[in-house]
Amino acid sequence: MTAPPDAVVRRADAGSTAAAAAASALVASCQEPERFAEVFDRYYVEIHGYAARRLGSDVADDVASDTFLTAFRQRARFDAERGDPRAWLYGIATNLIRRHRRQEIRAYRALTRVPATPLVDSHEERAVARVGALRVQGELAAALARLSAGDRDVLLLVALAGLTYDEVALALGIAYGTVCSRLSRARRRLREALGGIDPTGEVGHG
């Protein structure tokens, strides 16, 4: 059932308020380090889930922990004008994930040899749904493995993390136009590999 417009607005307002509170806590943590716990509590599960969907749960523990350790050490660099720390944290996580690029590629290639089976984990189902109706295996996994690191990062930040194009640009420190071109190229290559099927669907620019 589709939520009434006023309910959608209330959720959006609540999200904006929470994001503003997290940004305020992050800035305040420069003088009051204990305030950083508010940022950790708000975003840890989300960042861990993103890392797990890319690298597996075992490696995700380290990536998520290192993301927040790095964020704490670099918290003075956070620009309060950006508001929500979410994109900033995803940028740190993505940089850490790049250190495990070979492992990610091996995982995708391994999936090409696994027969399609129903997914039972609800978090995994939602993640794959963001990439598209296809499961991340077979031809799709092989296609993801063949993408350049930059194109794959953009695609998965949009498809798995749900970041807007502006947020991806902020997370990766690249221009908005670069986000658009990388995402377009990644989608085109996936379509070519999947016989014209676009598993990502249409994602708004935001």
N, C-alpha and C. Protein backbone atom coordinates (compact mmCIF):
# COMPACT_ATOMS: atom_id res chain seq x y z
N MET A 1 0.84 -1.19 0.00
CA MET A 1 0.00 0.00 0.00
C MET A 1 0.88 1.24 0.00
N THR A 2 0.56 2.20 -0.84
CA THR A 2 1.33 3.42 -0.93
C THR A 2 1.00 4.34 0.23
N ALA A 3 2.02 4.88 0.87
CA ALA A 3 1.80 5.75 2.01
C ALA A 3 1.17 7.05 1.56
N PRO A 4 0.25 7.64 2.35
CA PRO A 4 -0.34 8.93 2.02
C PRO A 4 0.75 9.98 1.90
N PRO A 5 0.53 11.01 1.06
CA PRO A 5 1.55 12.05 0.87
C PRO A 5 2.02 12.68 2.17
N ASP A 6 1.07 12.93 3.11
CA ASP A 6 1.48 13.58 4.35
C ASP A 6 2.40 12.68 5.18
N ALA A 7 2.20 11.36 5.08
CA ALA A 7 3.07 10.43 5.80
C ALA A 7 4.47 10.45 5.20
N VAL A 8 4.55 10.54 3.87
CA VAL A 8 5.85 10.61 3.20
C VAL A 8 6.58 11.87 3.62
N VAL A 9 5.86 12.96 3.68
CA VAL A 9 6.46 14.24 4.08
C VAL A 9 6.97 14.16 5.51
N ARG A 10 6.16 13.53 6.40
CA ARG A 10 6.58 13.42 7.79
C ARG A 10 7.85 12.60 7.92
N ARG A 11 7.94 11.50 7.14
CA ARG A 11 9.16 10.68 7.18
C ARG A 11 10.36 11.47 6.67
N ALA A 12 10.16 12.23 5.60
CA ALA A 12 11.25 13.03 5.04
C ALA A 12 11.71 14.08 6.04
N ASP A 13 10.74 14.73 6.71
CA ASP A 13 11.09 15.73 7.71
C ASP A 13 11.85 15.10 8.88
N ALA A 14 11.39 13.92 9.30
CA ALA A 14 12.06 13.23 10.40
C ALA A 14 13.48 12.85 10.02
N GLY A 15 13.64 12.40 8.76
CA GLY A 15 14.98 12.04 8.30
C GLY A 15 15.90 13.24 8.25
N SER A 16 15.36 14.39 7.79
CA SER A 16 16.16 15.60 7.72
C SER A 16 16.56 16.07 9.11
N THR A 17 15.63 15.98 10.04
CA THR A 17 15.91 16.38 11.42
C THR A 17 16.99 15.51 12.04
N ALA A 18 16.88 14.19 11.82
CA ALA A 18 17.87 13.26 12.37
C ALA A 18 19.24 13.49 11.74
N ALA A 19 19.25 13.76 10.43
CA ALA A 19 20.52 14.01 9.74
C ALA A 19 21.17 15.28 10.27
N ALA A 20 20.35 16.31 10.49
CA ALA A 20 20.88 17.56 11.02
C ALA A 20 21.45 17.34 12.42
N ALA A 21 20.77 16.52 13.21
CA ALA A 21 21.25 16.23 14.56
C ALA A 21 22.58 15.48 14.51
N ALA A 22 22.70 14.54 13.55
CA ALA A 22 23.94 13.79 13.41
C ALA A 22 25.08 14.71 12.98
N ALA A 23 24.79 15.63 12.07
CA ALA A 23 25.81 16.58 11.62
C ALA A 23 26.25 17.47 12.77
N SER A 24 25.29 17.91 13.56
CA SER A 24 25.60 18.74 14.71
C SER A 24 26.46 17.99 15.72
N ALA A 25 26.13 16.72 15.94
CA ALA A 25 26.90 15.90 16.87
C ALA A 25 28.33 15.70 16.36
N LEU A 26 28.47 15.51 15.04
CA LEU A 26 29.79 15.30 14.47
C LEU A 26 30.66 16.54 14.65
N VAL A 27 30.09 17.70 14.38
CA VAL A 27 30.83 18.95 14.56
C VAL A 27 31.18 19.14 16.03
N ALA A 28 30.20 18.90 16.90
CA ALA A 28 30.43 19.08 18.34
C ALA A 28 31.47 18.12 18.88
N SER A 29 31.62 16.96 18.23
CA SER A 29 32.55 15.94 18.74
C SER A 29 34.00 16.41 18.67
N CYS A 30 34.27 17.45 17.91
CA CYS A 30 35.64 17.98 17.86
C CYS A 30 36.03 18.54 19.23
N GLN A 31 35.05 19.07 19.96
CA GLN A 31 35.29 19.59 21.30
C GLN A 31 34.82 18.62 22.38
N GLU A 32 33.83 17.82 22.03
CA GLU A 32 33.27 16.84 22.97
C GLU A 32 33.30 15.47 22.30
N PRO A 33 34.42 14.77 22.34
CA PRO A 33 34.58 13.50 21.61
C PRO A 33 33.47 12.49 21.85
N GLU A 34 32.86 12.51 23.04
CA GLU A 34 31.81 11.54 23.33
C GLU A 34 30.58 11.72 22.45
N ARG A 35 30.42 12.90 21.85
CA ARG A 35 29.27 13.14 20.97
C ARG A 35 29.33 12.31 19.69
N PHE A 36 30.54 11.82 19.37
CA PHE A 36 30.68 11.02 18.14
C PHE A 36 29.86 9.74 18.22
N ALA A 37 29.55 9.29 19.42
CA ALA A 37 28.74 8.08 19.60
C ALA A 37 27.39 8.23 18.94
N GLU A 38 26.87 9.45 18.85
CA GLU A 38 25.58 9.69 18.21
C GLU A 38 25.66 9.41 16.71
N VAL A 39 26.77 9.76 16.11
CA VAL A 39 26.99 9.48 14.68
C VAL A 39 27.13 7.98 14.46
N PHE A 40 27.90 7.35 15.31
CA PHE A 40 28.09 5.89 15.22
C PHE A 40 26.75 5.17 15.33
N ASP A 41 25.96 5.54 16.32
CA ASP A 41 24.68 4.87 16.55
C ASP A 41 23.73 5.04 15.37
N ARG A 42 23.77 6.19 14.74
CA ARG A 42 22.84 6.44 13.63
C ARG A 42 23.23 5.70 12.36
N TYR A 43 24.52 5.58 12.07
CA TYR A 43 24.92 5.12 10.75
C TYR A 43 25.65 3.78 10.71
N TYR A 44 26.03 3.23 11.86
CA TYR A 44 26.86 2.02 11.81
C TYR A 44 26.18 0.87 11.07
N VAL A 45 24.95 0.57 11.41
CA VAL A 45 24.25 -0.57 10.79
C VAL A 45 24.16 -0.39 9.29
N GLU A 46 23.88 0.83 8.85
CA GLU A 46 23.76 1.10 7.41
C GLU A 46 25.09 0.91 6.69
N ILE A 47 26.15 1.46 7.25
CA ILE A 47 27.47 1.33 6.62
C ILE A 47 27.92 -0.13 6.63
N HIS A 48 27.68 -0.82 7.73
CA HIS A 48 28.05 -2.24 7.81
C HIS A 48 27.29 -3.04 6.77
N GLY A 49 26.01 -2.76 6.59
CA GLY A 49 25.21 -3.48 5.60
C GLY A 49 25.73 -3.29 4.19
N TYR A 50 26.12 -2.06 3.87
CA TYR A 50 26.66 -1.77 2.54
C TYR A 50 27.96 -2.54 2.31
N ALA A 51 28.85 -2.51 3.31
CA ALA A 51 30.11 -3.24 3.18
C ALA A 51 29.87 -4.74 3.07
N ALA A 52 28.89 -5.25 3.82
CA ALA A 52 28.59 -6.68 3.78
C ALA A 52 28.08 -7.11 2.41
N ARG A 53 27.26 -6.28 1.79
CA ARG A 53 26.72 -6.64 0.48
C ARG A 53 27.77 -6.59 -0.61
N ARG A 54 28.85 -5.88 -0.36
CA ARG A 54 29.92 -5.84 -1.34
C ARG A 54 31.02 -6.85 -1.06
N LEU A 55 31.30 -7.11 0.22
CA LEU A 55 32.46 -7.93 0.55
C LEU A 55 32.16 -9.15 1.40
N GLY A 56 30.95 -9.24 1.95
CA GLY A 56 30.64 -10.33 2.87
C GLY A 56 30.70 -9.84 4.31
N SER A 57 29.99 -10.53 5.18
CA SER A 57 29.83 -10.06 6.55
C SER A 57 31.13 -10.07 7.35
N ASP A 58 32.02 -11.02 7.10
CA ASP A 58 33.26 -11.09 7.88
C ASP A 58 34.13 -9.85 7.64
N VAL A 59 34.34 -9.52 6.38
CA VAL A 59 35.16 -8.35 6.06
C VAL A 59 34.43 -7.07 6.44
N ALA A 60 33.10 -7.10 6.35
CA ALA A 60 32.31 -5.90 6.66
C ALA A 60 32.54 -5.43 8.09
N ASP A 61 32.76 -6.35 9.01
CA ASP A 61 33.03 -5.96 10.40
C ASP A 61 34.23 -5.03 10.47
N ASP A 62 35.30 -5.41 9.76
CA ASP A 62 36.51 -4.60 9.77
C ASP A 62 36.31 -3.29 9.03
N VAL A 63 35.65 -3.35 7.87
CA VAL A 63 35.45 -2.14 7.08
C VAL A 63 34.60 -1.12 7.84
N ALA A 64 33.52 -1.58 8.44
CA ALA A 64 32.65 -0.67 9.18
C ALA A 64 33.39 -0.06 10.37
N SER A 65 34.11 -0.89 11.10
CA SER A 65 34.87 -0.37 12.26
C SER A 65 35.92 0.64 11.81
N ASP A 66 36.63 0.32 10.74
CA ASP A 66 37.66 1.23 10.24
C ASP A 66 37.05 2.51 9.69
N THR A 67 35.84 2.41 9.13
CA THR A 67 35.17 3.60 8.61
C THR A 67 34.94 4.61 9.73
N PHE A 68 34.43 4.13 10.86
CA PHE A 68 34.13 5.04 11.95
C PHE A 68 35.38 5.47 12.71
N LEU A 69 36.39 4.61 12.74
CA LEU A 69 37.66 5.01 13.34
C LEU A 69 38.28 6.13 12.52
N THR A 70 38.26 5.97 11.18
CA THR A 70 38.79 7.00 10.30
C THR A 70 37.97 8.29 10.42
N ALA A 71 36.65 8.14 10.45
CA ALA A 71 35.79 9.32 10.57
C ALA A 71 36.07 10.06 11.88
N PHE A 72 36.27 9.32 12.95
CA PHE A 72 36.57 9.96 14.24
C PHE A 72 37.88 10.72 14.17
N ARG A 73 38.88 10.10 13.58
CA ARG A 73 40.19 10.75 13.49
C ARG A 73 40.15 11.97 12.57
N GLN A 74 39.28 11.93 11.56
CA GLN A 74 39.22 13.00 10.58
C GLN A 74 37.99 13.90 10.77
N ARG A 75 37.36 13.82 11.93
CA ARG A 75 36.09 14.52 12.12
C ARG A 75 36.20 16.03 11.96
N ALA A 76 37.38 16.57 12.20
CA ALA A 76 37.56 18.01 12.03
C ALA A 76 37.49 18.42 10.55
N ARG A 77 37.64 17.45 9.65
CA ARG A 77 37.59 17.75 8.22
C ARG A 77 36.15 17.81 7.69
N PHE A 78 35.21 17.33 8.47
CA PHE A 78 33.83 17.33 8.00
C PHE A 78 33.34 18.76 7.83
N ASP A 79 32.76 19.03 6.67
CA ASP A 79 32.24 20.36 6.36
C ASP A 79 30.79 20.44 6.80
N ALA A 80 30.52 21.26 7.80
CA ALA A 80 29.16 21.37 8.34
C ALA A 80 28.18 21.87 7.29
N GLU A 81 28.68 22.54 6.26
CA GLU A 81 27.80 23.03 5.20
C GLU A 81 27.16 21.87 4.44
N ARG A 82 27.76 20.70 4.51
CA ARG A 82 27.23 19.54 3.80
C ARG A 82 26.01 18.95 4.48
N GLY A 83 25.84 19.25 5.76
CA GLY A 83 24.67 18.75 6.47
C GLY A 83 24.83 17.30 6.89
N ASP A 84 24.17 16.40 6.19
CA ASP A 84 24.14 14.99 6.55
C ASP A 84 25.53 14.35 6.39
N PRO A 85 26.07 13.73 7.45
CA PRO A 85 27.37 13.06 7.34
C PRO A 85 27.31 11.76 6.53
N ARG A 86 26.13 11.33 6.12
CA ARG A 86 25.95 10.03 5.49
C ARG A 86 26.86 9.84 4.27
N ALA A 87 26.82 10.80 3.35
CA ALA A 87 27.63 10.67 2.14
C ALA A 87 29.12 10.65 2.48
N TRP A 88 29.52 11.46 3.45
CA TRP A 88 30.92 11.51 3.87
C TRP A 88 31.36 10.14 4.39
N LEU A 89 30.52 9.51 5.19
CA LEU A 89 30.84 8.19 5.72
C LEU A 89 30.90 7.14 4.61
N TYR A 90 29.96 7.22 3.66
CA TYR A 90 30.00 6.27 2.53
C TYR A 90 31.27 6.46 1.71
N GLY A 91 31.74 7.68 1.60
CA GLY A 91 32.99 7.91 0.88
C GLY A 91 34.16 7.23 1.56
N ILE A 92 34.22 7.36 2.88
CA ILE A 92 35.29 6.69 3.64
C ILE A 92 35.18 5.17 3.48
N ALA A 93 33.95 4.64 3.60
CA ALA A 93 33.75 3.20 3.48
C ALA A 93 34.15 2.70 2.10
N THR A 94 33.79 3.46 1.06
CA THR A 94 34.12 3.05 -0.31
C THR A 94 35.63 3.02 -0.51
N ASN A 95 36.34 4.00 0.03
CA ASN A 95 37.80 3.99 -0.07
C ASN A 95 38.39 2.76 0.61
N LEU A 96 37.83 2.38 1.74
CA LEU A 96 38.31 1.18 2.43
C LEU A 96 37.97 -0.09 1.65
N ILE A 97 36.79 -0.11 1.05
CA ILE A 97 36.38 -1.27 0.26
C ILE A 97 37.31 -1.47 -0.92
N ARG A 98 37.82 -0.39 -1.47
CA ARG A 98 38.73 -0.50 -2.62
C ARG A 98 39.98 -1.30 -2.28
N ARG A 99 40.36 -1.30 -1.02
CA ARG A 99 41.53 -2.07 -0.61
C ARG A 99 41.26 -3.57 -0.73
N HIS A 100 39.99 -3.91 -0.80
CA HIS A 100 39.60 -5.32 -0.90
C HIS A 100 39.06 -5.63 -2.31
N ARG A 101 39.48 -4.85 -3.29
CA ARG A 101 38.95 -4.99 -4.66
C ARG A 101 39.10 -6.40 -5.19
N ARG A 102 40.24 -7.02 -4.97
CA ARG A 102 40.47 -8.36 -5.50
C ARG A 102 39.50 -9.35 -4.87
N GLN A 103 39.26 -9.18 -3.57
CA GLN A 103 38.33 -10.08 -2.91
C GLN A 103 36.91 -9.90 -3.44
N GLU A 104 36.53 -8.66 -3.71
CA GLU A 104 35.20 -8.40 -4.25
C GLU A 104 35.04 -9.03 -5.63
N ILE A 105 36.06 -8.89 -6.46
CA ILE A 105 36.02 -9.47 -7.80
C ILE A 105 35.94 -10.99 -7.72
N ARG A 106 36.73 -11.59 -6.82
CA ARG A 106 36.67 -13.05 -6.67
C ARG A 106 35.28 -13.50 -6.24
N ALA A 107 34.65 -12.72 -5.37
CA ALA A 107 33.31 -13.08 -4.91
C ALA A 107 32.31 -13.04 -6.05
N TYR A 108 32.39 -12.01 -6.89
CA TYR A 108 31.49 -11.93 -8.05
C TYR A 108 31.71 -13.10 -8.99
N ARG A 109 32.97 -13.44 -9.23
CA ARG A 109 33.27 -14.54 -10.15
C ARG A 109 32.79 -15.86 -9.57
N ALA A 110 32.89 -16.00 -8.25
CA ALA A 110 32.40 -17.23 -7.63
C ALA A 110 30.90 -17.36 -7.80
N LEU A 111 30.19 -16.23 -7.76
CA LEU A 111 28.74 -16.26 -7.91
C LEU A 111 28.31 -16.70 -9.30
N THR A 112 29.18 -16.53 -10.28
CA THR A 112 28.82 -16.96 -11.63
C THR A 112 28.74 -18.47 -11.72
N ARG A 113 29.33 -19.17 -10.74
CA ARG A 113 29.34 -20.63 -10.77
C ARG A 113 28.30 -21.24 -9.83
N VAL A 114 27.52 -20.37 -9.16
CA VAL A 114 26.52 -20.86 -8.21
C VAL A 114 25.14 -20.81 -8.84
N PRO A 115 24.39 -21.91 -8.86
CA PRO A 115 23.03 -21.91 -9.41
C PRO A 115 22.15 -20.93 -8.65
N ALA A 116 21.19 -20.34 -9.36
CA ALA A 116 20.27 -19.39 -8.73
C ALA A 116 19.42 -20.11 -7.68
N THR A 117 19.39 -19.53 -6.49
CA THR A 117 18.55 -20.08 -5.41
C THR A 117 17.82 -18.94 -4.74
N PRO A 118 16.65 -19.23 -4.15
CA PRO A 118 15.90 -18.16 -3.50
C PRO A 118 16.70 -17.56 -2.35
N LEU A 119 16.63 -16.24 -2.20
CA LEU A 119 17.29 -15.57 -1.11
C LEU A 119 16.36 -15.53 0.10
N VAL A 120 16.90 -15.78 1.27
CA VAL A 120 16.04 -15.82 2.45
C VAL A 120 16.29 -14.66 3.40
N ASP A 121 17.43 -14.02 3.29
CA ASP A 121 17.73 -12.91 4.19
C ASP A 121 17.06 -11.64 3.68
N SER A 122 16.24 -11.04 4.50
CA SER A 122 15.46 -9.88 4.05
C SER A 122 16.35 -8.72 3.66
N HIS A 123 17.47 -8.51 4.40
CA HIS A 123 18.36 -7.42 4.06
C HIS A 123 18.98 -7.65 2.69
N GLU A 124 19.37 -8.90 2.44
CA GLU A 124 19.97 -9.22 1.14
C GLU A 124 18.95 -9.05 0.03
N GLU A 125 17.71 -9.46 0.28
CA GLU A 125 16.68 -9.32 -0.75
C GLU A 125 16.49 -7.85 -1.10
N ARG A 126 16.46 -6.99 -0.10
CA ARG A 126 16.27 -5.57 -0.38
C ARG A 126 17.46 -5.01 -1.15
N ALA A 127 18.67 -5.46 -0.78
CA ALA A 127 19.85 -4.95 -1.45
C ALA A 127 19.83 -5.32 -2.93
N VAL A 128 19.54 -6.58 -3.20
CA VAL A 128 19.53 -7.04 -4.59
C VAL A 128 18.41 -6.34 -5.36
N ALA A 129 17.31 -6.09 -4.69
CA ALA A 129 16.20 -5.41 -5.35
C ALA A 129 16.62 -4.03 -5.82
N ARG A 130 17.52 -3.38 -5.07
CA ARG A 130 17.97 -2.06 -5.47
C ARG A 130 18.84 -2.15 -6.72
N VAL A 131 19.59 -3.21 -6.84
CA VAL A 131 20.35 -3.40 -8.07
C VAL A 131 19.43 -3.82 -9.20
N GLY A 132 18.36 -4.47 -8.87
CA GLY A 132 17.37 -4.87 -9.85
C GLY A 132 16.70 -6.16 -9.45
N ALA A 133 15.78 -6.62 -10.28
CA ALA A 133 15.03 -7.82 -9.97
C ALA A 133 15.90 -9.07 -10.06
N LEU A 134 17.00 -8.99 -10.78
CA LEU A 134 17.90 -10.15 -10.90
C LEU A 134 18.73 -10.31 -9.65
N ARG A 135 19.07 -11.53 -9.29
CA ARG A 135 19.97 -11.78 -8.18
C ARG A 135 21.39 -11.49 -8.63
N VAL A 136 22.24 -11.08 -7.65
CA VAL A 136 23.62 -10.78 -7.99
C VAL A 136 24.39 -12.08 -8.15
N GLN A 137 24.21 -12.69 -9.27
CA GLN A 137 24.94 -13.91 -9.60
C GLN A 137 24.82 -14.12 -11.10
N GLY A 138 25.47 -15.16 -11.57
CA GLY A 138 25.43 -15.43 -12.99
C GLY A 138 25.97 -14.29 -13.82
N GLU A 139 25.23 -13.96 -14.89
CA GLU A 139 25.69 -12.94 -15.83
C GLU A 139 25.86 -11.58 -15.16
N LEU A 140 24.97 -11.25 -14.22
CA LEU A 140 25.07 -9.96 -13.56
C LEU A 140 26.34 -9.86 -12.72
N ALA A 141 26.65 -10.91 -11.98
CA ALA A 141 27.87 -10.90 -11.17
C ALA A 141 29.10 -10.77 -12.06
N ALA A 142 29.10 -11.48 -13.18
CA ALA A 142 30.23 -11.41 -14.10
C ALA A 142 30.37 -10.01 -14.67
N ALA A 143 29.23 -9.40 -15.00
CA ALA A 143 29.25 -8.04 -15.55
C ALA A 143 29.75 -7.04 -14.52
N LEU A 144 29.34 -7.20 -13.27
CA LEU A 144 29.82 -6.30 -12.21
C LEU A 144 31.32 -6.45 -12.03
N ALA A 145 31.82 -7.67 -12.13
CA ALA A 145 33.25 -7.91 -11.97
C ALA A 145 34.05 -7.24 -13.07
N ARG A 146 33.46 -7.10 -14.26
CA ARG A 146 34.18 -6.51 -15.39
C ARG A 146 34.16 -4.98 -15.38
N LEU A 147 33.32 -4.38 -14.57
CA LEU A 147 33.28 -2.92 -14.51
C LEU A 147 34.57 -2.37 -13.90
N SER A 148 34.93 -1.17 -14.30
CA SER A 148 36.07 -0.53 -13.65
C SER A 148 35.70 -0.22 -12.21
N ALA A 149 36.69 -0.04 -11.36
CA ALA A 149 36.43 0.23 -9.95
C ALA A 149 35.60 1.49 -9.78
N GLY A 150 35.91 2.53 -10.54
CA GLY A 150 35.18 3.78 -10.44
C GLY A 150 33.73 3.65 -10.85
N ASP A 151 33.49 2.95 -11.95
CA ASP A 151 32.11 2.76 -12.42
C ASP A 151 31.32 1.90 -11.44
N ARG A 152 31.95 0.87 -10.91
CA ARG A 152 31.27 -0.02 -9.98
C ARG A 152 30.92 0.71 -8.68
N ASP A 153 31.84 1.55 -8.19
CA ASP A 153 31.57 2.31 -6.98
C ASP A 153 30.34 3.21 -7.14
N VAL A 154 30.29 3.91 -8.26
CA VAL A 154 29.15 4.80 -8.51
C VAL A 154 27.86 4.00 -8.60
N LEU A 155 27.89 2.93 -9.37
CA LEU A 155 26.69 2.11 -9.56
C LEU A 155 26.16 1.57 -8.22
N LEU A 156 27.05 1.05 -7.40
CA LEU A 156 26.61 0.41 -6.16
C LEU A 156 26.26 1.42 -5.07
N LEU A 157 26.86 2.59 -5.10
CA LEU A 157 26.44 3.62 -4.16
C LEU A 157 25.02 4.08 -4.46
N VAL A 158 24.67 4.11 -5.74
CA VAL A 158 23.30 4.47 -6.12
C VAL A 158 22.36 3.30 -5.89
N ALA A 159 22.76 2.11 -6.37
CA ALA A 159 21.85 0.97 -6.36
C ALA A 159 21.72 0.29 -5.00
N LEU A 160 22.81 0.17 -4.28
CA LEU A 160 22.76 -0.51 -2.98
C LEU A 160 22.56 0.46 -1.83
N ALA A 161 23.31 1.56 -1.84
CA ALA A 161 23.24 2.50 -0.72
C ALA A 161 22.09 3.49 -0.87
N GLY A 162 21.58 3.65 -2.10
CA GLY A 162 20.47 4.57 -2.30
C GLY A 162 20.88 6.03 -2.27
N LEU A 163 22.15 6.32 -2.53
CA LEU A 163 22.59 7.70 -2.55
C LEU A 163 22.10 8.40 -3.81
N THR A 164 21.83 9.69 -3.70
CA THR A 164 21.50 10.48 -4.88
C THR A 164 22.78 10.78 -5.65
N TYR A 165 22.64 11.29 -6.85
CA TYR A 165 23.83 11.62 -7.64
C TYR A 165 24.68 12.66 -6.92
N ASP A 166 24.04 13.64 -6.31
CA ASP A 166 24.78 14.66 -5.56
C ASP A 166 25.55 14.05 -4.41
N GLU A 167 24.92 13.11 -3.71
CA GLU A 167 25.58 12.46 -2.58
C GLU A 167 26.74 11.59 -3.03
N VAL A 168 26.59 10.93 -4.17
CA VAL A 168 27.69 10.12 -4.71
C VAL A 168 28.87 11.02 -5.06
N ALA A 169 28.58 12.16 -5.69
CA ALA A 169 29.64 13.11 -6.03
C ALA A 169 30.38 13.56 -4.77
N LEU A 170 29.62 13.83 -3.73
CA LEU A 170 30.21 14.24 -2.46
C LEU A 170 31.02 13.11 -1.83
N ALA A 171 30.47 11.92 -1.85
CA ALA A 171 31.14 10.77 -1.23
C ALA A 171 32.47 10.46 -1.90
N LEU A 172 32.49 10.53 -3.22
CA LEU A 172 33.69 10.13 -3.97
C LEU A 172 34.59 11.31 -4.32
N GLY A 173 34.13 12.52 -4.05
CA GLY A 173 34.93 13.69 -4.38
C GLY A 173 35.09 13.90 -5.87
N ILE A 174 34.02 13.62 -6.63
CA ILE A 174 34.06 13.80 -8.08
C ILE A 174 32.91 14.73 -8.50
N ALA A 175 32.96 15.18 -9.73
CA ALA A 175 31.94 16.10 -10.23
C ALA A 175 30.62 15.36 -10.48
N TYR A 176 29.53 16.11 -10.39
CA TYR A 176 28.20 15.55 -10.65
C TYR A 176 28.15 14.93 -12.05
N GLY A 177 28.74 15.61 -13.03
CA GLY A 177 28.74 15.10 -14.39
C GLY A 177 29.50 13.79 -14.51
N THR A 178 30.55 13.64 -13.71
CA THR A 178 31.31 12.39 -13.72
C THR A 178 30.47 11.25 -13.18
N VAL A 179 29.68 11.54 -12.14
CA VAL A 179 28.76 10.53 -11.61
C VAL A 179 27.81 10.07 -12.71
N CYS A 180 27.23 11.03 -13.42
CA CYS A 180 26.27 10.71 -14.48
C CYS A 180 26.92 9.86 -15.57
N SER A 181 28.11 10.24 -15.99
CA SER A 181 28.76 9.51 -17.09
C SER A 181 29.18 8.11 -16.64
N ARG A 182 29.68 7.98 -15.43
CA ARG A 182 30.09 6.65 -14.94
C ARG A 182 28.87 5.74 -14.79
N LEU A 183 27.79 6.28 -14.24
CA LEU A 183 26.59 5.47 -14.05
C LEU A 183 26.00 5.06 -15.39
N SER A 184 25.98 5.99 -16.34
CA SER A 184 25.47 5.67 -17.66
C SER A 184 26.29 4.57 -18.32
N ARG A 185 27.60 4.68 -18.21
CA ARG A 185 28.49 3.67 -18.81
C ARG A 185 28.30 2.32 -18.13
N ALA A 186 28.20 2.32 -16.80
CA ALA A 186 28.02 1.06 -16.07
C ALA A 186 26.72 0.39 -16.47
N ARG A 187 25.64 1.16 -16.55
CA ARG A 187 24.35 0.60 -16.94
C ARG A 187 24.39 0.05 -18.37
N ARG A 188 25.05 0.78 -19.24
CA ARG A 188 25.14 0.33 -20.63
C ARG A 188 25.86 -1.01 -20.72
N ARG A 189 26.93 -1.15 -19.96
CA ARG A 189 27.70 -2.40 -20.00
C ARG A 189 26.92 -3.55 -19.37
N LEU A 190 26.14 -3.24 -18.34
CA LEU A 190 25.30 -4.30 -17.76
C LEU A 190 24.23 -4.73 -18.76
N ARG A 191 23.62 -3.76 -19.43
CA ARG A 191 22.59 -4.10 -20.43
C ARG A 191 23.18 -4.96 -21.55
N GLU A 192 24.38 -4.60 -21.99
CA GLU A 192 25.03 -5.37 -23.05
C GLU A 192 25.29 -6.80 -22.60
N ALA A 193 25.70 -6.96 -21.34
CA ALA A 193 26.01 -8.29 -20.82
C ALA A 193 24.75 -9.12 -20.57
N LEU A 194 23.62 -8.43 -20.33
CA LEU A 194 22.39 -9.12 -19.96
C LEU A 194 21.35 -9.11 -21.08
N GLY A 195 21.82 -8.93 -22.29
CA GLY A 195 20.90 -9.01 -23.42
C GLY A 195 19.87 -7.91 -23.47
N GLY A 196 20.25 -6.72 -23.04
CA GLY A 196 19.33 -5.59 -23.12
C GLY A 196 18.57 -5.30 -21.84
N ILE A 197 18.67 -6.18 -20.85
CA ILE A 197 17.98 -5.97 -19.57
C ILE A 197 18.78 -5.00 -18.72
N ASP A 198 18.09 -4.01 -18.13
CA ASP A 198 18.74 -3.09 -17.23
C ASP A 198 18.36 -3.47 -15.80
N PRO A 199 19.25 -4.14 -15.05
CA PRO A 199 18.90 -4.60 -13.71
C PRO A 199 18.83 -3.49 -12.68
N THR A 200 19.30 -2.29 -13.03
CA THR A 200 19.28 -1.21 -12.06
C THR A 200 17.97 -0.43 -12.10
N GLY A 201 17.23 -0.52 -13.17
CA GLY A 201 16.02 0.27 -13.30
C GLY A 201 16.36 1.73 -13.45
N GLU A 202 15.40 2.59 -13.24
CA GLU A 202 15.60 4.01 -13.35
C GLU A 202 15.78 4.59 -11.95
N VAL A 203 16.89 5.26 -11.74
CA VAL A 203 17.15 5.87 -10.45
C VAL A 203 17.18 7.37 -10.65
N GLY A 204 16.40 8.09 -9.86
CA GLY A 204 16.32 9.54 -10.01
C GLY A 204 17.61 10.21 -9.65
N HIS A 205 17.82 11.40 -10.21
CA HIS A 205 19.05 12.13 -9.98
C HIS A 205 19.12 12.68 -8.57
N GLY A 206 18.01 13.11 -7.99
CA GLY A 206 18.04 13.62 -6.62
C GLY A 206 18.86 14.88 -6.49
